[in-house]
Amino acid sequence: MTGEQIPGFEGVFVGSFMHSLDPKKRLTIPSDWREQVGVPTTLYVLPGVDEECLSVLPAREMSRRLDKIRRHSITDKKARHFARVLASRSDLVSFDSQGRIRVKDELLDFAALKDQVMLVGTFEGFELWSPDRWKSSGGSDKGSLEDAAAYVGF
């Protein structure tokens, strides 16, 4: 069903891929995922909040999350601080004609992305991991999946 949209599941990012950064530090995004981004074809790249990876979100998902921040009062210092810090460290990228993105060096350094990049679907977006950090995070550990499934009631 490659490329086919299932009603109610538009924009769902699943699977994982290992790709290389090219000499100009551009990363090719899998074609199935490029289709899932939709319009506009921009992506928000954010530093991981609790992991040393990068979170990549299409505009529609970022809009949903920004709505949560907007619900806080302008006098809410904690919410303003979070928004300020996250926005200042994030990046807005678009695909080039070959389906590649160029993430700013500061974010690549944060996630220790040098040559190889593990792209991991998270349903609403995807994450960029260094292969070593992905392995040490327990991302492929059956036990951690069971614990996480129990936590969310899956």
N, C-alpha and C. Protein backbone atom coordinates (compact mmCIF):
# COMPACT_ATOMS: atom_id res chain seq x y z
N MET A 1 0.81 -1.19 0.00
CA MET A 1 0.00 0.00 0.00
C MET A 1 0.85 1.26 0.00
N THR A 2 2.02 1.20 -0.51
CA THR A 2 2.93 2.34 -0.53
C THR A 2 2.27 3.53 -1.20
N GLY A 3 2.31 4.66 -0.52
CA GLY A 3 1.81 5.89 -1.08
C GLY A 3 0.30 6.05 -1.01
N GLU A 4 -0.41 5.01 -0.62
CA GLU A 4 -1.87 5.06 -0.57
C GLU A 4 -2.33 5.60 0.78
N GLN A 5 -3.27 6.52 0.75
CA GLN A 5 -3.79 7.10 1.99
C GLN A 5 -4.99 6.29 2.46
N ILE A 6 -5.00 5.93 3.71
CA ILE A 6 -6.13 5.24 4.32
C ILE A 6 -6.91 6.30 5.10
N PRO A 7 -8.21 6.44 4.85
CA PRO A 7 -8.97 7.46 5.56
C PRO A 7 -8.77 7.36 7.07
N GLY A 8 -8.50 8.51 7.68
CA GLY A 8 -8.26 8.57 9.12
C GLY A 8 -6.81 8.35 9.50
N PHE A 9 -5.98 7.95 8.54
CA PHE A 9 -4.57 7.68 8.83
C PHE A 9 -3.65 8.52 7.96
N GLU A 10 -4.14 9.64 7.46
CA GLU A 10 -3.31 10.53 6.68
C GLU A 10 -2.23 11.11 7.58
N GLY A 11 -1.02 11.19 7.07
CA GLY A 11 0.05 11.82 7.83
C GLY A 11 0.60 10.98 8.95
N VAL A 12 0.51 9.66 8.85
CA VAL A 12 1.03 8.78 9.89
C VAL A 12 2.40 8.27 9.45
N PHE A 13 3.39 8.44 10.32
CA PHE A 13 4.76 8.06 10.02
C PHE A 13 5.11 6.78 10.77
N VAL A 14 5.33 5.69 10.03
CA VAL A 14 5.67 4.40 10.65
C VAL A 14 6.92 3.83 10.01
N GLY A 15 7.58 2.95 10.73
CA GLY A 15 8.78 2.29 10.25
C GLY A 15 10.03 3.00 10.71
N SER A 16 11.15 2.46 10.27
CA SER A 16 12.44 3.10 10.57
C SER A 16 13.36 2.87 9.38
N PHE A 17 14.27 3.79 9.20
CA PHE A 17 15.19 3.77 8.06
C PHE A 17 16.56 4.25 8.52
N MET A 18 17.58 3.69 7.93
CA MET A 18 18.94 4.17 8.16
C MET A 18 19.37 4.89 6.88
N HIS A 19 19.71 6.16 7.00
CA HIS A 19 20.17 6.95 5.87
C HIS A 19 21.47 7.65 6.24
N SER A 20 22.18 8.10 5.23
CA SER A 20 23.44 8.82 5.44
C SER A 20 23.24 10.30 5.18
N LEU A 21 23.97 11.10 5.93
CA LEU A 21 24.06 12.53 5.59
C LEU A 21 25.01 12.62 4.40
N ASP A 22 24.66 13.43 3.41
CA ASP A 22 25.56 13.59 2.28
C ASP A 22 26.68 14.57 2.66
N PRO A 23 27.66 14.79 1.79
CA PRO A 23 28.77 15.69 2.14
C PRO A 23 28.34 17.11 2.55
N LYS A 24 27.16 17.56 2.09
CA LYS A 24 26.66 18.88 2.48
C LYS A 24 25.72 18.80 3.67
N LYS A 25 25.73 17.65 4.34
CA LYS A 25 24.92 17.40 5.53
C LYS A 25 23.42 17.44 5.26
N ARG A 26 23.03 17.01 4.08
CA ARG A 26 21.61 16.90 3.76
C ARG A 26 21.17 15.46 4.00
N LEU A 27 19.92 15.31 4.38
CA LEU A 27 19.36 14.01 4.70
C LEU A 27 18.16 13.75 3.80
N THR A 28 18.18 12.62 3.12
CA THR A 28 17.04 12.24 2.29
C THR A 28 15.95 11.64 3.17
N ILE A 29 14.75 12.16 3.02
CA ILE A 29 13.59 11.65 3.74
C ILE A 29 12.90 10.62 2.84
N PRO A 30 12.54 9.45 3.37
CA PRO A 30 11.89 8.43 2.55
C PRO A 30 10.67 8.99 1.81
N SER A 31 10.49 8.55 0.58
CA SER A 31 9.41 9.09 -0.25
C SER A 31 8.04 8.90 0.38
N ASP A 32 7.79 7.75 1.03
CA ASP A 32 6.50 7.54 1.69
C ASP A 32 6.26 8.61 2.76
N TRP A 33 7.30 8.96 3.49
CA TRP A 33 7.15 9.97 4.53
C TRP A 33 6.97 11.35 3.93
N ARG A 34 7.63 11.63 2.82
CA ARG A 34 7.43 12.94 2.17
C ARG A 34 5.97 13.10 1.79
N GLU A 35 5.34 12.03 1.31
CA GLU A 35 3.92 12.08 0.96
C GLU A 35 3.06 12.34 2.20
N GLN A 36 3.47 11.80 3.33
CA GLN A 36 2.71 11.97 4.57
C GLN A 36 2.77 13.39 5.11
N VAL A 37 3.81 14.13 4.76
CA VAL A 37 3.95 15.50 5.25
C VAL A 37 2.79 16.36 4.78
N GLY A 38 2.36 16.16 3.55
CA GLY A 38 1.24 16.93 3.02
C GLY A 38 1.64 18.36 2.68
N VAL A 39 0.62 19.24 2.67
CA VAL A 39 0.83 20.64 2.32
C VAL A 39 0.53 21.47 3.55
N PRO A 40 1.36 22.41 3.94
CA PRO A 40 2.61 22.80 3.28
C PRO A 40 3.70 21.74 3.49
N THR A 41 4.66 21.74 2.61
CA THR A 41 5.71 20.72 2.65
C THR A 41 6.89 21.19 3.49
N THR A 42 6.58 21.72 4.65
CA THR A 42 7.63 22.16 5.56
C THR A 42 7.61 21.27 6.80
N LEU A 43 8.77 21.18 7.41
CA LEU A 43 8.93 20.38 8.61
C LEU A 43 9.56 21.24 9.70
N TYR A 44 9.13 21.02 10.92
CA TYR A 44 9.75 21.66 12.07
C TYR A 44 10.68 20.63 12.71
N VAL A 45 11.91 21.04 12.94
CA VAL A 45 12.90 20.17 13.57
C VAL A 45 13.19 20.74 14.95
N LEU A 46 12.92 19.95 15.97
CA LEU A 46 13.06 20.39 17.35
C LEU A 46 14.04 19.48 18.08
N PRO A 47 14.78 20.04 19.04
CA PRO A 47 15.63 19.16 19.85
C PRO A 47 14.72 18.29 20.72
N GLY A 48 15.14 17.06 20.95
CA GLY A 48 14.38 16.20 21.84
C GLY A 48 14.25 16.83 23.21
N VAL A 49 13.08 16.77 23.80
CA VAL A 49 12.85 17.38 25.10
C VAL A 49 13.44 16.51 26.20
N ASP A 50 13.33 15.19 26.05
CA ASP A 50 13.85 14.29 27.08
C ASP A 50 14.82 13.25 26.53
N GLU A 51 15.19 13.37 25.27
CA GLU A 51 16.13 12.45 24.63
C GLU A 51 17.08 13.27 23.77
N GLU A 52 18.28 12.77 23.56
CA GLU A 52 19.24 13.47 22.70
C GLU A 52 19.06 13.00 21.26
N CYS A 53 17.91 13.37 20.72
CA CYS A 53 17.56 13.09 19.33
C CYS A 53 16.84 14.33 18.82
N LEU A 54 16.41 14.30 17.57
CA LEU A 54 15.65 15.41 17.01
C LEU A 54 14.24 14.93 16.69
N SER A 55 13.26 15.74 17.01
CA SER A 55 11.87 15.47 16.65
C SER A 55 11.55 16.26 15.41
N VAL A 56 10.94 15.61 14.44
CA VAL A 56 10.58 16.26 13.17
C VAL A 56 9.07 16.15 13.02
N LEU A 57 8.44 17.32 12.88
CA LEU A 57 6.98 17.37 12.82
C LEU A 57 6.51 18.13 11.59
N PRO A 58 5.48 17.62 10.91
CA PRO A 58 4.88 18.40 9.82
C PRO A 58 4.12 19.58 10.40
N ALA A 59 3.82 20.55 9.57
CA ALA A 59 3.18 21.78 10.01
C ALA A 59 1.87 21.52 10.75
N ARG A 60 1.05 20.58 10.29
CA ARG A 60 -0.25 20.35 10.94
C ARG A 60 -0.08 19.85 12.37
N GLU A 61 0.94 19.01 12.62
CA GLU A 61 1.18 18.53 13.99
C GLU A 61 1.78 19.63 14.85
N MET A 62 2.67 20.42 14.27
CA MET A 62 3.26 21.51 15.03
C MET A 62 2.18 22.52 15.42
N SER A 63 1.24 22.77 14.53
CA SER A 63 0.14 23.68 14.82
C SER A 63 -0.69 23.17 16.00
N ARG A 64 -0.95 21.87 16.01
CA ARG A 64 -1.71 21.26 17.11
C ARG A 64 -0.98 21.47 18.44
N ARG A 65 0.34 21.27 18.43
CA ARG A 65 1.11 21.43 19.66
C ARG A 65 1.23 22.90 20.09
N LEU A 66 1.35 23.79 19.11
CA LEU A 66 1.42 25.21 19.44
C LEU A 66 0.12 25.70 20.07
N ASP A 67 -1.00 25.10 19.66
CA ASP A 67 -2.27 25.47 20.28
C ASP A 67 -2.25 25.21 21.78
N LYS A 68 -1.57 24.16 22.20
CA LYS A 68 -1.47 23.86 23.63
C LYS A 68 -0.67 24.94 24.35
N ILE A 69 0.38 25.44 23.71
CA ILE A 69 1.18 26.51 24.31
C ILE A 69 0.36 27.80 24.36
N ARG A 70 -0.39 28.08 23.31
CA ARG A 70 -1.18 29.31 23.23
C ARG A 70 -2.26 29.38 24.30
N ARG A 71 -2.68 28.25 24.83
CA ARG A 71 -3.73 28.23 25.86
C ARG A 71 -3.24 28.81 27.18
N HIS A 72 -1.94 28.93 27.33
CA HIS A 72 -1.39 29.48 28.57
C HIS A 72 -1.39 31.01 28.51
N SER A 73 -1.58 31.59 29.66
CA SER A 73 -1.57 33.04 29.77
C SER A 73 -0.18 33.59 29.45
N ILE A 74 -0.17 34.82 28.96
CA ILE A 74 1.10 35.49 28.70
C ILE A 74 1.86 35.72 30.00
N THR A 75 1.17 35.65 31.12
CA THR A 75 1.83 35.83 32.41
C THR A 75 2.38 34.51 32.97
N ASP A 76 2.18 33.42 32.25
CA ASP A 76 2.69 32.12 32.69
C ASP A 76 4.16 32.02 32.30
N LYS A 77 5.04 32.33 33.25
CA LYS A 77 6.48 32.39 32.97
C LYS A 77 7.05 31.05 32.52
N LYS A 78 6.58 29.98 33.10
CA LYS A 78 7.10 28.65 32.75
C LYS A 78 6.75 28.30 31.30
N ALA A 79 5.52 28.58 30.89
CA ALA A 79 5.10 28.31 29.52
C ALA A 79 5.86 29.20 28.53
N ARG A 80 6.02 30.49 28.89
CA ARG A 80 6.77 31.40 28.02
C ARG A 80 8.22 30.96 27.89
N HIS A 81 8.82 30.54 29.00
CA HIS A 81 10.21 30.07 28.98
C HIS A 81 10.34 28.85 28.07
N PHE A 82 9.43 27.89 28.22
CA PHE A 82 9.46 26.70 27.37
C PHE A 82 9.36 27.08 25.90
N ALA A 83 8.40 27.93 25.57
CA ALA A 83 8.21 28.34 24.18
C ALA A 83 9.44 29.06 23.64
N ARG A 84 9.99 29.94 24.42
CA ARG A 84 11.16 30.72 24.01
C ARG A 84 12.36 29.81 23.75
N VAL A 85 12.65 28.94 24.68
CA VAL A 85 13.81 28.06 24.54
C VAL A 85 13.62 27.09 23.38
N LEU A 86 12.46 26.47 23.30
CA LEU A 86 12.22 25.51 22.22
C LEU A 86 12.27 26.19 20.85
N ALA A 87 11.63 27.34 20.72
CA ALA A 87 11.62 28.04 19.43
C ALA A 87 13.03 28.48 19.02
N SER A 88 13.81 28.93 19.99
CA SER A 88 15.16 29.42 19.66
C SER A 88 16.09 28.30 19.23
N ARG A 89 15.80 27.09 19.64
CA ARG A 89 16.66 25.95 19.30
C ARG A 89 16.14 25.15 18.12
N SER A 90 14.96 25.47 17.62
CA SER A 90 14.32 24.69 16.56
C SER A 90 14.65 25.24 15.18
N ASP A 91 14.22 24.51 14.17
CA ASP A 91 14.50 24.89 12.79
C ASP A 91 13.28 24.58 11.92
N LEU A 92 13.08 25.34 10.88
CA LEU A 92 12.03 25.12 9.90
C LEU A 92 12.72 24.79 8.59
N VAL A 93 12.41 23.61 8.03
CA VAL A 93 13.09 23.16 6.81
C VAL A 93 12.07 22.76 5.76
N SER A 94 12.52 22.77 4.52
CA SER A 94 11.70 22.32 3.39
C SER A 94 12.50 21.31 2.59
N PHE A 95 11.80 20.49 1.85
CA PHE A 95 12.45 19.52 0.98
C PHE A 95 13.06 20.22 -0.22
N ASP A 96 14.22 19.75 -0.66
CA ASP A 96 14.74 20.21 -1.94
C ASP A 96 14.13 19.33 -3.03
N SER A 97 14.51 19.51 -4.27
CA SER A 97 13.90 18.78 -5.39
C SER A 97 14.16 17.27 -5.32
N GLN A 98 15.14 16.85 -4.52
CA GLN A 98 15.43 15.42 -4.40
C GLN A 98 14.95 14.84 -3.07
N GLY A 99 14.11 15.57 -2.35
CA GLY A 99 13.54 15.06 -1.12
C GLY A 99 14.47 15.08 0.07
N ARG A 100 15.42 16.00 0.05
CA ARG A 100 16.38 16.11 1.16
C ARG A 100 16.06 17.34 1.98
N ILE A 101 16.48 17.28 3.25
CA ILE A 101 16.40 18.44 4.13
C ILE A 101 17.80 18.73 4.66
N ARG A 102 18.02 19.98 5.03
CA ARG A 102 19.29 20.37 5.64
C ARG A 102 18.96 20.94 7.01
N VAL A 103 19.35 20.20 8.04
CA VAL A 103 19.12 20.60 9.42
C VAL A 103 20.33 21.41 9.87
N LYS A 104 20.09 22.47 10.63
CA LYS A 104 21.20 23.33 11.04
C LYS A 104 22.20 22.56 11.93
N ASP A 105 23.45 22.98 11.83
CA ASP A 105 24.55 22.30 12.52
C ASP A 105 24.32 22.18 14.02
N GLU A 106 23.79 23.20 14.63
CA GLU A 106 23.55 23.17 16.08
C GLU A 106 22.69 21.97 16.48
N LEU A 107 21.66 21.68 15.69
CA LEU A 107 20.79 20.54 15.99
C LEU A 107 21.48 19.21 15.67
N LEU A 108 22.22 19.18 14.57
CA LEU A 108 22.97 17.95 14.25
C LEU A 108 23.94 17.63 15.38
N ASP A 109 24.61 18.65 15.90
CA ASP A 109 25.55 18.45 17.01
C ASP A 109 24.82 17.97 18.27
N PHE A 110 23.68 18.58 18.58
CA PHE A 110 22.90 18.20 19.75
C PHE A 110 22.59 16.71 19.75
N ALA A 111 22.20 16.19 18.58
CA ALA A 111 21.81 14.78 18.47
C ALA A 111 22.97 13.88 18.07
N ALA A 112 24.18 14.43 17.96
CA ALA A 112 25.38 13.67 17.58
C ALA A 112 25.20 12.97 16.22
N LEU A 113 24.58 13.69 15.28
CA LEU A 113 24.37 13.15 13.94
C LEU A 113 25.55 13.53 13.06
N LYS A 114 26.29 12.54 12.63
CA LYS A 114 27.50 12.79 11.85
C LYS A 114 27.40 12.20 10.45
N ASP A 115 27.38 10.89 10.33
CA ASP A 115 27.33 10.24 9.02
C ASP A 115 26.01 9.50 8.82
N GLN A 116 25.75 8.56 9.70
CA GLN A 116 24.53 7.75 9.61
C GLN A 116 23.45 8.33 10.51
N VAL A 117 22.21 8.25 10.03
CA VAL A 117 21.08 8.76 10.80
C VAL A 117 19.98 7.69 10.78
N MET A 118 19.48 7.38 11.97
CA MET A 118 18.35 6.46 12.09
C MET A 118 17.09 7.31 12.13
N LEU A 119 16.20 7.12 11.16
CA LEU A 119 14.93 7.82 11.10
C LEU A 119 13.88 6.88 11.68
N VAL A 120 13.17 7.33 12.70
CA VAL A 120 12.25 6.48 13.43
C VAL A 120 10.87 7.11 13.44
N GLY A 121 9.87 6.41 12.89
CA GLY A 121 8.50 6.92 12.87
C GLY A 121 7.91 6.99 14.26
N THR A 122 7.14 8.04 14.52
CA THR A 122 6.46 8.20 15.82
C THR A 122 4.96 8.44 15.62
N PHE A 123 4.43 7.98 14.53
CA PHE A 123 3.04 8.18 14.11
C PHE A 123 2.76 9.61 13.69
N GLU A 124 2.89 10.59 14.61
CA GLU A 124 2.57 11.98 14.26
C GLU A 124 3.73 12.72 13.60
N GLY A 125 4.89 12.15 13.59
CA GLY A 125 6.10 12.73 13.01
C GLY A 125 7.17 11.67 12.99
N PHE A 126 8.42 12.09 13.07
CA PHE A 126 9.50 11.11 13.17
C PHE A 126 10.67 11.73 13.92
N GLU A 127 11.58 10.87 14.33
CA GLU A 127 12.75 11.31 15.07
C GLU A 127 14.01 10.95 14.30
N LEU A 128 15.05 11.74 14.53
CA LEU A 128 16.36 11.50 13.95
C LEU A 128 17.31 11.14 15.09
N TRP A 129 17.91 9.98 15.00
CA TRP A 129 18.79 9.45 16.04
C TRP A 129 20.15 9.09 15.48
N SER A 130 21.19 9.25 16.28
CA SER A 130 22.46 8.64 15.94
C SER A 130 22.26 7.15 16.20
N PRO A 131 22.79 6.28 15.35
CA PRO A 131 22.58 4.84 15.55
C PRO A 131 23.00 4.37 16.95
N ASP A 132 24.09 4.89 17.48
CA ASP A 132 24.55 4.48 18.81
C ASP A 132 23.56 4.90 19.89
N ARG A 133 23.08 6.13 19.81
CA ARG A 133 22.11 6.60 20.82
C ARG A 133 20.79 5.85 20.71
N TRP A 134 20.38 5.53 19.48
CA TRP A 134 19.14 4.77 19.29
C TRP A 134 19.26 3.41 19.97
N LYS A 135 20.38 2.77 19.76
CA LYS A 135 20.59 1.45 20.36
C LYS A 135 20.61 1.54 21.88
N SER A 136 21.31 2.51 22.43
CA SER A 136 21.41 2.64 23.89
C SER A 136 20.12 3.17 24.53
N SER A 137 19.23 3.76 23.73
CA SER A 137 17.96 4.28 24.27
C SER A 137 16.97 3.16 24.59
N GLY A 138 17.26 1.97 24.09
CA GLY A 138 16.32 0.87 24.28
C GLY A 138 15.24 0.86 23.23
N GLY A 139 15.43 1.62 22.15
CA GLY A 139 14.43 1.71 21.10
C GLY A 139 14.09 0.39 20.46
N SER A 140 15.00 -0.55 20.50
CA SER A 140 14.73 -1.86 19.91
C SER A 140 14.59 -2.94 20.98
N ASP A 141 14.44 -2.53 22.24
CA ASP A 141 14.36 -3.47 23.36
C ASP A 141 12.91 -3.88 23.60
N LYS A 142 12.64 -5.18 23.53
CA LYS A 142 11.29 -5.71 23.71
C LYS A 142 10.71 -5.33 25.07
N GLY A 143 11.53 -5.41 26.12
CA GLY A 143 11.06 -5.08 27.46
C GLY A 143 10.58 -3.66 27.59
N SER A 144 11.31 -2.72 26.98
CA SER A 144 10.89 -1.32 27.08
C SER A 144 9.59 -1.09 26.30
N LEU A 145 9.39 -1.83 25.22
CA LEU A 145 8.15 -1.70 24.46
C LEU A 145 6.97 -2.19 25.29
N GLU A 146 7.16 -3.30 25.99
CA GLU A 146 6.08 -3.82 26.84
C GLU A 146 5.73 -2.83 27.94
N ASP A 147 6.74 -2.26 28.58
CA ASP A 147 6.51 -1.29 29.65
C ASP A 147 5.78 -0.06 29.11
N ALA A 148 6.22 0.43 27.95
CA ALA A 148 5.61 1.62 27.36
C ALA A 148 4.16 1.34 26.96
N ALA A 149 3.90 0.16 26.40
CA ALA A 149 2.53 -0.20 26.01
C ALA A 149 1.62 -0.24 27.23
N ALA A 150 2.10 -0.81 28.31
CA ALA A 150 1.32 -0.85 29.53
C ALA A 150 1.06 0.56 30.06
N TYR A 151 2.07 1.43 29.98
CA TYR A 151 1.94 2.80 30.48
C TYR A 151 0.83 3.57 29.74
N VAL A 152 0.77 3.44 28.42
CA VAL A 152 -0.23 4.19 27.65
C VAL A 152 -1.54 3.42 27.50
N GLY A 153 -1.58 2.20 28.02
CA GLY A 153 -2.81 1.41 27.94
C GLY A 153 -3.10 0.90 26.55
N PHE A 154 -2.06 0.52 25.83
CA PHE A 154 -2.21 0.07 24.44
C PHE A 154 -2.68 -1.36 24.43
